[in-house]
Amino acid sequence: MNVTVGQIYASCRPGDDRRLRIERFEPGYASAFVVDAETGHRPRWILIHALHPTPRLRNGRPRRTGYALIPPENIPLTVERIEAALRSVRIVLGPNALKLLDEGGAVGLSGGEYTAMARAVLELVTAPSAQP
C-alpha cells in the first residue's frame, strides 16, 4: 500500500470515530508517525500493516480492525488543512530579519512568499486528489 504524509485514515472498529493523519513516514519502514486528524494531539507510531486502502475486505465484509484510508475528495476543507498547506511553504529569513524578530519587531513577507502561500492553498482547494 502507498502510505504518504498527510493521508487521513478512519478507524474500522465499529462505533469508533477516530481519525489519524500521517505526519511522518519513510518508505521501507514498518511504521508511520500519526496524530489525531482533527486536533493534532496523541502523537504516536503505528504499524503500517494496520493501515488499509479500503474499509472492506476482499469478500465485501466490513473491516473490524485497523484504519481505512479516507479518499482526499471525501475530506472536508478545514482550517487545519489550509494551515498545513501554508506551513508547507518555506520562508527563509536573513540575518537582519532574525535580529529584528529577536528584538520583538515584525518582518513582512516578500511578494514571492505570499505567492507561494497562495499557490499552496490554491492547489489544496482545486485539486480533488491533493493530500491534506
Protein backbone atom coordinates (compact mmCIF):
# COMPACT_ATOMS: atom_id res chain seq x y z
CA MET A 1 0.00 0.00 0.00
CA ASN A 2 1.19 3.51 -0.77
CA VAL A 3 1.39 5.48 2.50
CA THR A 4 2.16 9.19 2.22
CA VAL A 5 2.38 12.11 4.62
CA GLY A 6 -0.94 13.91 5.03
CA GLN A 7 -3.21 10.94 4.37
CA ILE A 8 -6.14 10.53 6.76
CA TYR A 9 -7.36 7.14 7.97
CA ALA A 10 -10.60 6.31 9.82
CA SER A 11 -10.87 3.58 12.43
CA CYS A 12 -12.50 0.39 11.15
CA ARG A 13 -13.66 -0.61 14.64
CA PRO A 14 -17.48 -0.37 14.84
CA GLY A 15 -18.56 2.61 16.93
CA ASP A 16 -15.09 4.19 16.88
CA ASP A 17 -14.94 7.51 15.02
CA ARG A 18 -11.21 8.18 15.49
CA ARG A 19 -9.26 9.52 12.54
CA LEU A 20 -5.49 9.55 12.14
CA ARG A 21 -3.29 11.77 9.99
CA ILE A 22 0.11 10.56 8.75
CA GLU A 23 2.72 13.05 9.95
CA ARG A 24 5.94 11.19 9.10
CA PHE A 25 6.68 8.13 7.02
CA GLU A 26 9.78 6.79 5.30
CA PRO A 27 9.23 4.21 2.54
CA GLY A 28 10.61 0.84 3.55
CA TYR A 29 9.89 1.32 7.26
CA ALA A 30 7.29 -0.77 9.09
CA SER A 31 5.64 2.11 10.92
CA ALA A 32 4.37 5.64 10.42
CA PHE A 33 4.13 8.54 12.86
CA VAL A 34 0.49 9.63 13.26
CA VAL A 35 -1.57 12.20 15.15
CA ASP A 36 -5.28 12.71 15.70
CA ALA A 37 -6.57 14.12 12.39
CA GLU A 38 -8.82 16.76 13.93
CA THR A 39 -6.73 18.01 16.84
CA GLY A 40 -3.15 17.02 16.04
CA HIS A 41 -2.89 15.51 19.54
CA ARG A 42 -1.90 11.96 20.60
CA PRO A 43 1.28 11.65 18.53
CA ARG A 44 2.39 8.03 18.20
CA TRP A 45 3.86 5.39 15.90
CA ILE A 46 1.56 2.88 14.21
CA LEU A 47 2.46 -0.20 12.17
CA ILE A 48 1.61 0.31 8.51
CA HIS A 49 0.09 -3.16 8.24
CA ALA A 50 -2.81 -1.69 10.29
CA LEU A 51 -3.48 0.85 7.50
CA HIS A 52 -5.80 -0.35 4.75
CA PRO A 53 -6.76 1.13 1.35
CA THR A 54 -10.50 0.44 1.85
CA PRO A 55 -12.87 -0.16 4.76
CA ARG A 56 -13.92 -3.53 3.27
CA LEU A 57 -12.26 -6.92 2.98
CA ARG A 58 -11.87 -8.70 -0.36
CA ASN A 59 -15.06 -10.67 0.31
CA GLY A 60 -17.02 -7.41 0.75
CA ARG A 61 -17.47 -7.58 4.51
CA PRO A 62 -16.52 -4.50 6.54
CA ARG A 63 -13.16 -4.50 8.29
CA ARG A 64 -13.30 -4.56 12.08
CA THR A 65 -9.68 -3.71 12.87
CA GLY A 66 -7.12 -1.22 11.70
CA TYR A 67 -7.67 2.03 9.84
CA ALA A 68 -9.04 2.63 6.33
CA LEU A 69 -7.85 5.39 4.02
CA ILE A 70 -10.28 8.24 3.51
CA PRO A 71 -10.07 9.39 -0.12
CA PRO A 72 -8.86 13.03 -0.28
CA GLU A 73 -12.01 14.13 -2.10
CA ASN A 74 -14.06 12.99 0.92
CA ILE A 75 -12.05 15.06 3.40
CA PRO A 76 -13.68 18.42 4.08
CA LEU A 77 -11.60 21.56 3.62
CA THR A 78 -10.78 22.70 7.14
CA VAL A 79 -8.78 25.45 8.74
CA GLU A 80 -6.25 22.80 9.77
CA ARG A 81 -5.75 21.66 6.16
CA ILE A 82 -5.32 25.24 4.97
CA GLU A 83 -2.89 25.94 7.80
CA ALA A 84 -0.90 22.80 6.92
CA ALA A 85 -0.71 23.97 3.29
CA LEU A 86 0.52 27.40 4.39
CA ARG A 87 3.08 25.87 6.75
CA SER A 88 4.45 23.79 3.88
CA VAL A 89 5.81 26.98 2.26
CA ARG A 90 9.45 27.54 3.17
CA ILE A 91 10.31 31.08 4.23
CA VAL A 92 13.97 31.96 4.60
CA LEU A 93 14.89 34.88 6.84
CA GLY A 94 18.15 36.74 6.55
CA PRO A 95 20.27 37.89 9.50
CA ASN A 96 18.69 41.37 9.59
CA ALA A 97 15.18 39.90 9.77
CA LEU A 98 16.23 37.47 12.50
CA LYS A 99 17.76 40.31 14.52
CA LEU A 100 14.59 42.35 14.15
CA LEU A 101 12.48 39.41 15.35
CA ASP A 102 14.83 38.84 18.30
CA GLU A 103 14.24 42.46 19.32
CA GLY A 104 10.46 41.99 19.23
CA GLY A 105 9.90 43.57 15.83
CA ALA A 106 7.87 42.31 12.90
CA VAL A 107 9.05 41.19 9.48
CA GLY A 108 6.91 41.40 6.36
CA LEU A 109 6.89 38.64 3.79
CA SER A 110 8.03 39.20 0.22
CA GLY A 111 5.68 39.10 -2.72
CA GLY A 112 7.18 35.77 -3.75
CA GLU A 113 6.49 34.27 -0.34
CA TYR A 114 2.86 35.43 -0.42
CA THR A 115 2.55 34.00 -3.94
CA ALA A 116 3.96 30.65 -2.80
CA MET A 117 1.48 30.55 0.08
CA ALA A 118 -1.43 31.40 -2.22
CA ARG A 119 -0.36 28.65 -4.64
CA ALA A 120 -0.19 26.09 -1.83
CA VAL A 121 -3.77 26.86 -0.78
CA LEU A 122 -5.00 27.01 -4.39
CA GLU A 123 -3.58 23.54 -5.03
CA LEU A 124 -5.34 22.29 -1.92
CA VAL A 125 -8.69 23.78 -2.94
CA THR A 126 -8.72 22.95 -6.65
CA ALA A 127 -7.09 19.52 -6.82
CA PRO A 128 -9.51 16.79 -5.68
CA SER A 129 -6.64 14.33 -5.33
CA ALA A 130 -4.48 16.69 -3.25
CA GLN A 131 -3.28 15.40 0.09
CA PRO A 132 -4.17 17.35 3.23
